[in-house]
Amino acid sequence: MRIEWRNRARKQIKKIADRKTKLRIFSAIESFAAGKPCDVKLLTGHRYTHRLRVGKFRVLMSVGQEIEVAWIEEVKKRDERTY
């Protein structure tokens, strides 16, 4: 499955200082695209359709004909609003 990156997600991945974390995020997205089991949750009532959890980061994406990576967010404190 093809992976499309939105500009906002590209900027957010560039801001992550740790190279090892960036590689983990890329690897997790590629694993999901290949159909391997990942920590992915289907979102309901949300603009994006799926949430991928990679350590303390959340990757929000839309999945259809291709995977559109839209948002990468660092979770600093978990609460009821955490994806």
Protein backbone atom coordinates (compact mmCIF):
# COMPACT_ATOMS: atom_id res chain seq x y z
CA MET A 1 0.00 0.00 0.00
CA ARG A 2 1.29 3.46 -0.90
CA ILE A 3 2.13 5.94 1.89
CA GLU A 4 1.40 9.65 1.35
CA TRP A 5 2.76 12.25 3.79
CA ARG A 6 0.96 15.55 4.35
CA ASN A 7 3.13 18.65 4.74
CA ARG A 8 2.22 19.07 8.41
CA ALA A 9 3.33 15.49 9.20
CA ARG A 10 6.62 16.07 7.35
CA LYS A 11 7.31 19.18 9.43
CA GLN A 12 6.41 17.38 12.65
CA ILE A 13 8.70 14.41 11.93
CA LYS A 14 11.57 16.80 11.16
CA LYS A 15 11.15 18.43 14.60
CA ILE A 16 11.75 15.14 16.40
CA ALA A 17 15.38 15.35 17.48
CA ASP A 18 16.02 11.68 18.22
CA ARG A 19 16.98 9.80 15.05
CA LYS A 20 16.15 6.44 16.65
CA THR A 21 12.58 7.58 17.36
CA LYS A 22 12.15 8.79 13.78
CA LEU A 23 13.24 5.39 12.48
CA ARG A 24 10.79 3.65 14.84
CA ILE A 25 7.94 5.80 13.50
CA PHE A 26 8.89 5.16 9.85
CA SER A 27 9.23 1.44 10.56
CA ALA A 28 5.84 1.26 12.30
CA ILE A 29 4.09 3.02 9.41
CA GLU A 30 5.75 0.72 6.86
CA SER A 31 4.79 -2.34 8.93
CA PHE A 32 1.17 -1.19 9.00
CA ALA A 33 1.24 -0.62 5.24
CA ALA A 34 2.60 -4.15 4.75
CA GLY A 35 -0.28 -5.59 6.77
CA LYS A 36 1.76 -6.64 9.79
CA PRO A 37 0.10 -6.44 13.23
CA CYS A 38 0.69 -3.05 14.86
CA ASP A 39 -0.77 -1.00 17.69
CA VAL A 40 -3.40 0.61 15.46
CA LYS A 41 -6.82 1.72 16.59
CA LEU A 42 -9.76 2.53 14.36
CA LEU A 43 -11.10 5.99 15.27
CA THR A 44 -14.81 6.78 15.22
CA GLY A 45 -16.23 10.27 15.01
CA HIS A 46 -12.86 11.70 14.09
CA ARG A 47 -11.48 13.39 11.00
CA TYR A 48 -8.80 10.71 10.58
CA THR A 49 -9.63 7.02 10.43
CA HIS A 50 -6.72 5.36 12.27
CA ARG A 51 -4.30 6.03 15.13
CA LEU A 52 -0.92 4.30 15.34
CA ARG A 53 0.87 4.28 18.68
CA VAL A 54 4.69 4.38 18.62
CA GLY A 55 6.08 4.85 22.11
CA LYS A 56 5.05 8.31 23.32
CA PHE A 57 4.04 9.41 19.81
CA ARG A 58 0.70 9.06 18.05
CA VAL A 59 0.43 9.01 14.27
CA LEU A 60 -2.99 9.98 12.92
CA MET A 61 -3.75 8.81 9.41
CA SER A 62 -6.49 8.21 6.90
CA VAL A 63 -6.57 4.84 5.21
CA GLY A 64 -8.26 4.23 1.88
CA GLN A 65 -6.60 3.39 -1.43
CA GLU A 66 -3.42 4.68 0.18
CA ILE A 67 -2.26 5.60 3.67
CA GLU A 68 -2.24 9.36 4.25
CA VAL A 69 -0.10 10.29 7.26
CA ALA A 70 -1.64 13.52 8.50
CA TRP A 71 -0.43 14.25 12.02
CA ILE A 72 2.28 13.16 14.46
CA GLU A 73 1.71 14.13 18.07
CA GLU A 74 3.80 13.58 21.19
CA VAL A 75 1.76 12.56 24.22
CA LYS A 76 3.16 14.12 27.35
CA LYS A 77 0.30 13.30 29.71
CA ARG A 78 -2.38 10.69 29.12
CA ASP A 79 -6.00 11.65 29.85
CA GLU A 80 -9.46 11.20 28.34
CA ARG A 81 -8.50 13.37 25.34
CA THR A 82 -5.40 11.30 24.40
CA TYR A 83 -5.65 9.45 21.09
